[in-house]
Amino acid sequence: PKALIPRDFEPGFKVALMNKDLDTFNTIAKELHVPVSFANVAQRYQQAALAAGLGEQDTSVIMTVIERLAAVKVSGGR
């Protein structure tokens, strides 16, 4: 999205809410024995953002978690 390069992480849909929704989704999927491995990975990134104090930011702030893990910084190429 357009928020990534300018690093505008003002809340649209907060990390904390996404984590709650993913928790519900993953719980139901587990109860129904439905494999949802990507949702589990997505929730781990959300939880890492929560642990970093980013719960009130937009979910696009996950980019900063991935940047830290990859030791890179996304830029506009300038």
PDB file of N, CA and C in Angstrom:
ATOM      1  N   PRO A   1       0.813  -1.209   0.000  1.00  0.00           N
ATOM      2  CA  PRO A   1       0.000   0.000   0.000  1.00  0.00           C
ATOM      3  C   PRO A   1       0.853   1.267   0.000  1.00  0.00           C
ATOM      4  N   LYS A   2       0.201   2.363  -0.222  1.00  0.00           N
ATOM      5  CA  LYS A   2       0.869   3.656  -0.293  1.00  0.00           C
ATOM      6  C   LYS A   2       1.502   4.071   1.025  1.00  0.00           C
ATOM      7  N   ALA A   3       1.153   3.432   2.109  1.00  0.00           N
ATOM      8  CA  ALA A   3       1.682   3.793   3.427  1.00  0.00           C
ATOM      9  C   ALA A   3       3.095   3.283   3.665  1.00  0.00           C
ATOM     10  N   LEU A   4       3.532   2.284   2.923  1.00  0.00           N
ATOM     11  CA  LEU A   4       4.800   1.627   3.236  1.00  0.00           C
ATOM     12  C   LEU A   4       6.017   2.499   2.973  1.00  0.00           C
ATOM     13  N   ILE A   5       6.151   3.050   1.785  1.00  0.00           N
ATOM     14  CA  ILE A   5       7.339   3.836   1.462  1.00  0.00           C
ATOM     15  C   ILE A   5       7.427   5.094   2.327  1.00  0.00           C
ATOM     16  N   PRO A   6       6.334   5.853   2.487  1.00  0.00           N
ATOM     17  CA  PRO A   6       6.442   7.020   3.379  1.00  0.00           C
ATOM     18  C   PRO A   6       6.412   6.651   4.870  1.00  0.00           C
ATOM     19  N   ARG A   7       6.237   5.350   5.150  1.00  0.00           N
ATOM     20  CA  ARG A   7       6.228   4.850   6.526  1.00  0.00           C
ATOM     21  C   ARG A   7       5.119   5.517   7.363  1.00  0.00           C
ATOM     22  N   ASP A   8       3.947   5.561   6.783  1.00  0.00           N
ATOM     23  CA  ASP A   8       2.784   6.143   7.450  1.00  0.00           C
ATOM     24  C   ASP A   8       1.964   5.004   8.043  1.00  0.00           C
ATOM     25  N   PHE A   9       2.129   4.783   9.336  1.00  0.00           N
ATOM     26  CA  PHE A   9       1.478   3.656   9.992  1.00  0.00           C
ATOM     27  C   PHE A   9       0.323   4.089  10.903  1.00  0.00           C
ATOM     28  N   GLU A  10      -0.266   5.245  10.593  1.00  0.00           N
ATOM     29  CA  GLU A  10      -1.432   5.680  11.358  1.00  0.00           C
ATOM     30  C   GLU A  10      -2.521   4.625  11.204  1.00  0.00           C
ATOM     31  N   PRO A  11      -3.234   4.359  12.279  1.00  0.00           N
ATOM     32  CA  PRO A  11      -4.190   3.252  12.256  1.00  0.00           C
ATOM     33  C   PRO A  11      -5.277   3.373  11.196  1.00  0.00           C
ATOM     34  N   GLY A  12      -5.393   2.306  10.440  1.00  0.00           N
ATOM     35  CA  GLY A  12      -6.545   2.065   9.587  1.00  0.00           C
ATOM     36  C   GLY A  12      -7.220   0.861  10.233  1.00  0.00           C
ATOM     37  N   PHE A  13      -6.481  -0.236  10.268  1.00  0.00           N
ATOM     38  CA  PHE A  13      -6.892  -1.430  11.004  1.00  0.00           C
ATOM     39  C   PHE A  13      -5.722  -1.803  11.905  1.00  0.00           C
ATOM     40  N   LYS A  14      -5.921  -1.672  13.193  1.00  0.00           N
ATOM     41  CA  LYS A  14      -4.842  -1.817  14.175  1.00  0.00           C
ATOM     42  C   LYS A  14      -4.328  -3.250  14.298  1.00  0.00           C
ATOM     43  N   VAL A  15      -3.050  -3.334  14.591  1.00  0.00           N
ATOM     44  CA  VAL A  15      -2.391  -4.621  14.829  1.00  0.00           C
ATOM     45  C   VAL A  15      -3.129  -5.400  15.914  1.00  0.00           C
ATOM     46  N   ALA A  16      -3.506  -4.734  16.995  1.00  0.00           N
ATOM     47  CA  ALA A  16      -4.177  -5.419  18.108  1.00  0.00           C
ATOM     48  C   ALA A  16      -5.488  -6.066  17.654  1.00  0.00           C
ATOM     49  N   LEU A  17      -6.229  -5.375  16.800  1.00  0.00           N
ATOM     50  CA  LEU A  17      -7.490  -5.934  16.306  1.00  0.00           C
ATOM     51  C   LEU A  17      -7.247  -7.088  15.340  1.00  0.00           C
ATOM     52  N   MET A  18      -6.243  -6.943  14.485  1.00  0.00           N
ATOM     53  CA  MET A  18      -5.911  -8.029  13.555  1.00  0.00           C
ATOM     54  C   MET A  18      -5.490  -9.272  14.325  1.00  0.00           C
ATOM     55  N   ASN A  19      -4.697  -9.081  15.374  1.00  0.00           N
ATOM     56  CA  ASN A  19      -4.262 -10.221  16.177  1.00  0.00           C
ATOM     57  C   ASN A  19      -5.460 -10.921  16.816  1.00  0.00           C
ATOM     58  N   LYS A  20      -6.399 -10.138  17.323  1.00  0.00           N
ATOM     59  CA  LYS A  20      -7.610 -10.715  17.923  1.00  0.00           C
ATOM     60  C   LYS A  20      -8.384 -11.521  16.880  1.00  0.00           C
ATOM     61  N   ASP A  21      -8.555 -10.952  15.695  1.00  0.00           N
ATOM     62  CA  ASP A  21      -9.288 -11.644  14.637  1.00  0.00           C
ATOM     63  C   ASP A  21      -8.564 -12.913  14.184  1.00  0.00           C
ATOM     64  N   LEU A  22      -7.246 -12.828  14.050  1.00  0.00           N
ATOM     65  CA  LEU A  22      -6.479 -14.017  13.661  1.00  0.00           C
ATOM     66  C   LEU A  22      -6.545 -15.090  14.739  1.00  0.00           C
ATOM     67  N   ASP A  23      -6.569 -14.679  15.998  1.00  0.00           N
ATOM     68  CA  ASP A  23      -6.687 -15.644  17.089  1.00  0.00           C
ATOM     69  C   ASP A  23      -8.013 -16.390  16.986  1.00  0.00           C
ATOM     70  N   THR A  24      -9.084 -15.660  16.753  1.00  0.00           N
ATOM     71  CA  THR A  24     -10.400 -16.284  16.589  1.00  0.00           C
ATOM     72  C   THR A  24     -10.405 -17.220  15.383  1.00  0.00           C
ATOM     73  N   PHE A  25      -9.889 -16.744  14.260  1.00  0.00           N
ATOM     74  CA  PHE A  25      -9.830 -17.542  13.035  1.00  0.00           C
ATOM     75  C   PHE A  25      -9.034 -18.823  13.253  1.00  0.00           C
ATOM     76  N   ASN A  26      -7.844 -18.696  13.842  1.00  0.00           N
ATOM     77  CA  ASN A  26      -6.992 -19.867  14.059  1.00  0.00           C
ATOM     78  C   ASN A  26      -7.610 -20.853  15.042  1.00  0.00           C
ATOM     79  N   THR A  27      -8.297 -20.351  16.056  1.00  0.00           N
ATOM     80  CA  THR A  27      -8.959 -21.224  17.027  1.00  0.00           C
ATOM     81  C   THR A  27     -10.064 -22.040  16.355  1.00  0.00           C
ATOM     82  N   ILE A  28     -10.890 -21.375  15.560  1.00  0.00           N
ATOM     83  CA  ILE A  28     -11.975 -22.075  14.867  1.00  0.00           C
ATOM     84  C   ILE A  28     -11.411 -23.081  13.868  1.00  0.00           C
ATOM     85  N   ALA A  29     -10.393 -22.679  13.132  1.00  0.00           N
ATOM     86  CA  ALA A  29      -9.778 -23.589  12.157  1.00  0.00           C
ATOM     87  C   ALA A  29      -9.221 -24.828  12.849  1.00  0.00           C
ATOM     88  N   LYS A  30      -8.598 -24.630  14.005  1.00  0.00           N
ATOM     89  CA  LYS A  30      -8.045 -25.769  14.749  1.00  0.00           C
ATOM     90  C   LYS A  30      -9.163 -26.701  15.205  1.00  0.00           C
ATOM     91  N   GLU A  31     -10.251 -26.125  15.719  1.00  0.00           N
ATOM     92  CA  GLU A  31     -11.384 -26.939  16.165  1.00  0.00           C
ATOM     93  C   GLU A  31     -11.984 -27.750  15.018  1.00  0.00           C
ATOM     94  N   LEU A  32     -11.950 -27.192  13.819  1.00  0.00           N
ATOM     95  CA  LEU A  32     -12.519 -27.864  12.647  1.00  0.00           C
ATOM     96  C   LEU A  32     -11.488 -28.704  11.891  1.00  0.00           C
ATOM     97  N   HIS A  33     -10.271 -28.742  12.419  1.00  0.00           N
ATOM     98  CA  HIS A  33      -9.170 -29.494  11.801  1.00  0.00           C
ATOM     99  C   HIS A  33      -8.880 -29.017  10.377  1.00  0.00           C
ATOM    100  N   VAL A  34      -8.917 -27.706  10.204  1.00  0.00           N
ATOM    101  CA  VAL A  34      -8.624 -27.095   8.906  1.00  0.00           C
ATOM    102  C   VAL A  34      -7.220 -26.487   8.973  1.00  0.00           C
ATOM    103  N   PRO A  35      -6.316 -26.911   8.094  1.00  0.00           N
ATOM    104  CA  PRO A  35      -4.970 -26.347   8.115  1.00  0.00           C
ATOM    105  C   PRO A  35      -4.964 -24.910   7.576  1.00  0.00           C
ATOM    106  N   VAL A  36      -4.402 -24.025   8.350  1.00  0.00           N
ATOM    107  CA  VAL A  36      -4.314 -22.611   7.949  1.00  0.00           C
ATOM    108  C   VAL A  36      -2.923 -22.086   8.309  1.00  0.00           C
ATOM    109  N   SER A  37      -1.915 -22.713   7.751  1.00  0.00           N
ATOM    110  CA  SER A  37      -0.543 -22.383   8.137  1.00  0.00           C
ATOM    111  C   SER A  37      -0.195 -20.923   7.888  1.00  0.00           C
ATOM    112  N   PHE A  38      -0.676 -20.336   6.800  1.00  0.00           N
ATOM    113  CA  PHE A  38      -0.340 -18.938   6.534  1.00  0.00           C
ATOM    114  C   PHE A  38      -0.925 -18.015   7.596  1.00  0.00           C
ATOM    115  N   ALA A  39      -2.132 -18.315   8.059  1.00  0.00           N
ATOM    116  CA  ALA A  39      -2.746 -17.494   9.105  1.00  0.00           C
ATOM    117  C   ALA A  39      -1.948 -17.584  10.399  1.00  0.00           C
ATOM    118  N   ASN A  40      -1.387 -18.753  10.675  1.00  0.00           N
ATOM    119  CA  ASN A  40      -0.548 -18.893  11.870  1.00  0.00           C
ATOM    120  C   ASN A  40       0.706 -18.038  11.759  1.00  0.00           C
ATOM    121  N   VAL A  41       1.310 -18.032  10.587  1.00  0.00           N
ATOM    122  CA  VAL A  41       2.505 -17.206  10.362  1.00  0.00           C
ATOM    123  C   VAL A  41       2.139 -15.730  10.481  1.00  0.00           C
ATOM    124  N   ALA A  42       1.031 -15.337   9.880  1.00  0.00           N
ATOM    125  CA  ALA A  42       0.587 -13.945   9.954  1.00  0.00           C
ATOM    126  C   ALA A  42       0.379 -13.525  11.406  1.00  0.00           C
ATOM    127  N   GLN A  43      -0.192 -14.413  12.206  1.00  0.00           N
ATOM    128  CA  GLN A  43      -0.416 -14.065  13.602  1.00  0.00           C
ATOM    129  C   GLN A  43       0.902 -13.918  14.354  1.00  0.00           C
ATOM    130  N   ARG A  44       1.897 -14.706  14.011  1.00  0.00           N
ATOM    131  CA  ARG A  44       3.203 -14.558  14.676  1.00  0.00           C
ATOM    132  C   ARG A  44       3.794 -13.178  14.413  1.00  0.00           C
ATOM    133  N   TYR A  45       3.644 -12.681  13.187  1.00  0.00           N
ATOM    134  CA  TYR A  45       4.121 -11.324  12.888  1.00  0.00           C
ATOM    135  C   TYR A  45       3.321 -10.284  13.672  1.00  0.00           C
ATOM    136  N   GLN A  46       2.013 -10.490  13.777  1.00  0.00           N
ATOM    137  CA  GLN A  46       1.185  -9.565  14.554  1.00  0.00           C
ATOM    138  C   GLN A  46       1.612  -9.575  16.022  1.00  0.00           C
ATOM    139  N   GLN A  47       1.882 -10.755  16.555  1.00  0.00           N
ATOM    140  CA  GLN A  47       2.310 -10.867  17.949  1.00  0.00           C
ATOM    141  C   GLN A  47       3.668 -10.211  18.167  1.00  0.00           C
ATOM    142  N   ALA A  48       4.560 -10.326  17.190  1.00  0.00           N
ATOM    143  CA  ALA A  48       5.863  -9.662  17.293  1.00  0.00           C
ATOM    144  C   ALA A  48       5.680  -8.150  17.318  1.00  0.00           C
ATOM    145  N   ALA A  49       4.752  -7.650  16.518  1.00  0.00           N
ATOM    146  CA  ALA A  49       4.470  -6.212  16.515  1.00  0.00           C
ATOM    147  C   ALA A  49       3.875  -5.784  17.854  1.00  0.00           C
ATOM    148  N   LEU A  50       2.986  -6.593  18.402  1.00  0.00           N
ATOM    149  CA  LEU A  50       2.425  -6.291  19.724  1.00  0.00           C
ATOM    150  C   LEU A  50       3.522  -6.234  20.775  1.00  0.00           C
ATOM    151  N   ALA A  51       4.426  -7.200  20.747  1.00  0.00           N
ATOM    152  CA  ALA A  51       5.528  -7.247  21.713  1.00  0.00           C
ATOM    153  C   ALA A  51       6.441  -6.030  21.582  1.00  0.00           C
ATOM    154  N   ALA A  52       6.500  -5.462  20.375  1.00  0.00           N
ATOM    155  CA  ALA A  52       7.329  -4.274  20.139  1.00  0.00           C
ATOM    156  C   ALA A  52       6.575  -2.984  20.462  1.00  0.00           C
ATOM    157  N   GLY A  53       5.360  -3.116  21.000  1.00  0.00           N
ATOM    158  CA  GLY A  53       4.585  -1.936  21.372  1.00  0.00           C
ATOM    159  C   GLY A  53       3.883  -1.255  20.206  1.00  0.00           C
ATOM    160  N   LEU A  54       3.623  -2.001  19.137  1.00  0.00           N
ATOM    161  CA  LEU A  54       3.035  -1.424  17.929  1.00  0.00           C
ATOM    162  C   LEU A  54       1.557  -1.762  17.758  1.00  0.00           C
ATOM    163  N   GLY A  55       0.903  -2.200  18.810  1.00  0.00           N
ATOM    164  CA  GLY A  55      -0.477  -2.664  18.731  1.00  0.00           C
ATOM    165  C   GLY A  55      -1.490  -1.645  18.261  1.00  0.00           C
ATOM    166  N   GLU A  56      -1.213  -0.361  18.463  1.00  0.00           N
ATOM    167  CA  GLU A  56      -2.153   0.684  18.062  1.00  0.00           C
ATOM    168  C   GLU A  56      -1.873   1.215  16.658  1.00  0.00           C
ATOM    169  N   GLN A  57      -0.835   0.700  16.012  1.00  0.00           N
ATOM    170  CA  GLN A  57      -0.486   1.130  14.658  1.00  0.00           C
ATOM    171  C   GLN A  57      -1.251   0.302  13.625  1.00  0.00           C
ATOM    172  N   ASP A  58      -1.244   0.778  12.384  1.00  0.00           N
ATOM    173  CA  ASP A  58      -1.874   0.059  11.288  1.00  0.00           C
ATOM    174  C   ASP A  58      -1.142  -1.257  11.044  1.00  0.00           C
ATOM    175  N   THR A  59      -1.846  -2.241  10.530  1.00  0.00           N
ATOM    176  CA  THR A  59      -1.228  -3.548  10.288  1.00  0.00           C
ATOM    177  C   THR A  59      -0.057  -3.479   9.315  1.00  0.00           C
ATOM    178  N   SER A  60       0.020  -2.440   8.510  1.00  0.00           N
ATOM    179  CA  SER A  60       1.159  -2.311   7.588  1.00  0.00           C
ATOM    180  C   SER A  60       2.477  -2.106   8.326  1.00  0.00           C
ATOM    181  N   VAL A  61       2.411  -1.793   9.622  1.00  0.00           N
ATOM    182  CA  VAL A  61       3.631  -1.641  10.421  1.00  0.00           C
ATOM    183  C   VAL A  61       4.370  -2.978  10.548  1.00  0.00           C
ATOM    184  N   ILE A  62       3.716  -4.071  10.185  1.00  0.00           N
ATOM    185  CA  ILE A  62       4.364  -5.387  10.178  1.00  0.00           C
ATOM    186  C   ILE A  62       5.618  -5.343   9.311  1.00  0.00           C
ATOM    187  N   MET A  63       5.609  -4.450   8.322  1.00  0.00           N
ATOM    188  CA  MET A  63       6.791  -4.294   7.476  1.00  0.00           C
ATOM    189  C   MET A  63       8.036  -4.029   8.324  1.00  0.00           C
ATOM    190  N   THR A  64       7.908  -3.263   9.398  1.00  0.00           N
ATOM    191  CA  THR A  64       9.080  -2.954  10.224  1.00  0.00           C
ATOM    192  C   THR A  64       9.567  -4.185  10.981  1.00  0.00           C
ATOM    193  N   VAL A  65       8.657  -5.072  11.343  1.00  0.00           N
ATOM    194  CA  VAL A  65       9.035  -6.331  11.993  1.00  0.00           C
ATOM    195  C   VAL A  65       9.843  -7.176  11.010  1.00  0.00           C
ATOM    196  N   ILE A  66       9.350  -7.267   9.785  1.00  0.00           N
ATOM    197  CA  ILE A  66      10.048  -8.042   8.755  1.00  0.00           C
ATOM    198  C   ILE A  66      11.393  -7.401   8.423  1.00  0.00           C
ATOM    199  N   GLU A  67      11.434  -6.079   8.377  1.00  0.00           N
ATOM    200  CA  GLU A  67      12.705  -5.386   8.131  1.00  0.00           C
ATOM    201  C   GLU A  67      13.744  -5.772   9.180  1.00  0.00           C
ATOM    202  N   ARG A  68      13.326  -5.770  10.440  1.00  0.00           N
ATOM    203  CA  ARG A  68      14.267  -6.121  11.517  1.00  0.00           C
ATOM    204  C   ARG A  68      14.758  -7.555  11.374  1.00  0.00           C
ATOM    205  N   LEU A  69      13.852  -8.458  11.057  1.00  0.00           N
ATOM    206  CA  LEU A  69      14.234  -9.864  10.899  1.00  0.00           C
ATOM    207  C   LEU A  69      15.176 -10.071   9.717  1.00  0.00           C
ATOM    208  N   ALA A  70      14.951  -9.322   8.650  1.00  0.00           N
ATOM    209  CA  ALA A  70      15.757  -9.474   7.432  1.00  0.00           C
ATOM    210  C   ALA A  70      16.983  -8.562   7.409  1.00  0.00           C
ATOM    211  N   ALA A  71      17.082  -7.678   8.394  1.00  0.00           N
ATOM    212  CA  ALA A  71      18.184  -6.704   8.463  1.00  0.00           C
ATOM    213  C   ALA A  71      18.259  -5.855   7.193  1.00  0.00           C
ATOM    214  N   VAL A  72      17.087  -5.407   6.739  1.00  0.00           N
ATOM    215  CA  VAL A  72      17.002  -4.506   5.590  1.00  0.00           C
ATOM    216  C   VAL A  72      15.996  -3.408   5.913  1.00  0.00           C
ATOM    217  N   LYS A  73      15.997  -2.360   5.103  1.00  0.00           N
ATOM    218  CA  LYS A  73      14.998  -1.314   5.257  1.00  0.00           C
ATOM    219  C   LYS A  73      14.383  -1.034   3.896  1.00  0.00           C
ATOM    220  N   VAL A  74      13.056  -1.081   3.831  1.00  0.00           N
ATOM    221  CA  VAL A  74      12.341  -0.801   2.599  1.00  0.00           C
ATOM    222  C   VAL A  74      12.419   0.700   2.343  1.00  0.00           C
ATOM    223  N   SER A  75      12.742   1.056   1.103  1.00  0.00           N
ATOM    224  CA  SER A  75      12.813   2.477   0.761  1.00  0.00           C
ATOM    225  C   SER A  75      12.248   2.694  -0.629  1.00  0.00           C
ATOM    226  N   GLY A  76      12.143   3.941  -0.992  1.00  0.00           N
ATOM    227  CA  GLY A  76      11.631   4.298  -2.312  1.00  0.00           C
ATOM    228  C   GLY A  76      12.680   4.208  -3.397  1.00  0.00           C
ATOM    229  N   GLY A  77      13.865   3.722  -3.063  1.00  0.00           N
ATOM    230  CA  GLY A  77      14.917   3.565  -4.048  1.00  0.00           C
ATOM    231  C   GLY A  77      15.655   4.842  -4.380  1.00  0.00           C
ATOM    232  N   ARG A  78      15.572   5.801  -3.504  1.00  0.00           N
ATOM    233  CA  ARG A  78      16.265   7.078  -3.734  1.00  0.00           C
ATOM    234  C   ARG A  78      17.467   7.196  -2.852  1.00  0.00           C
TER     235      ARG A  78
END
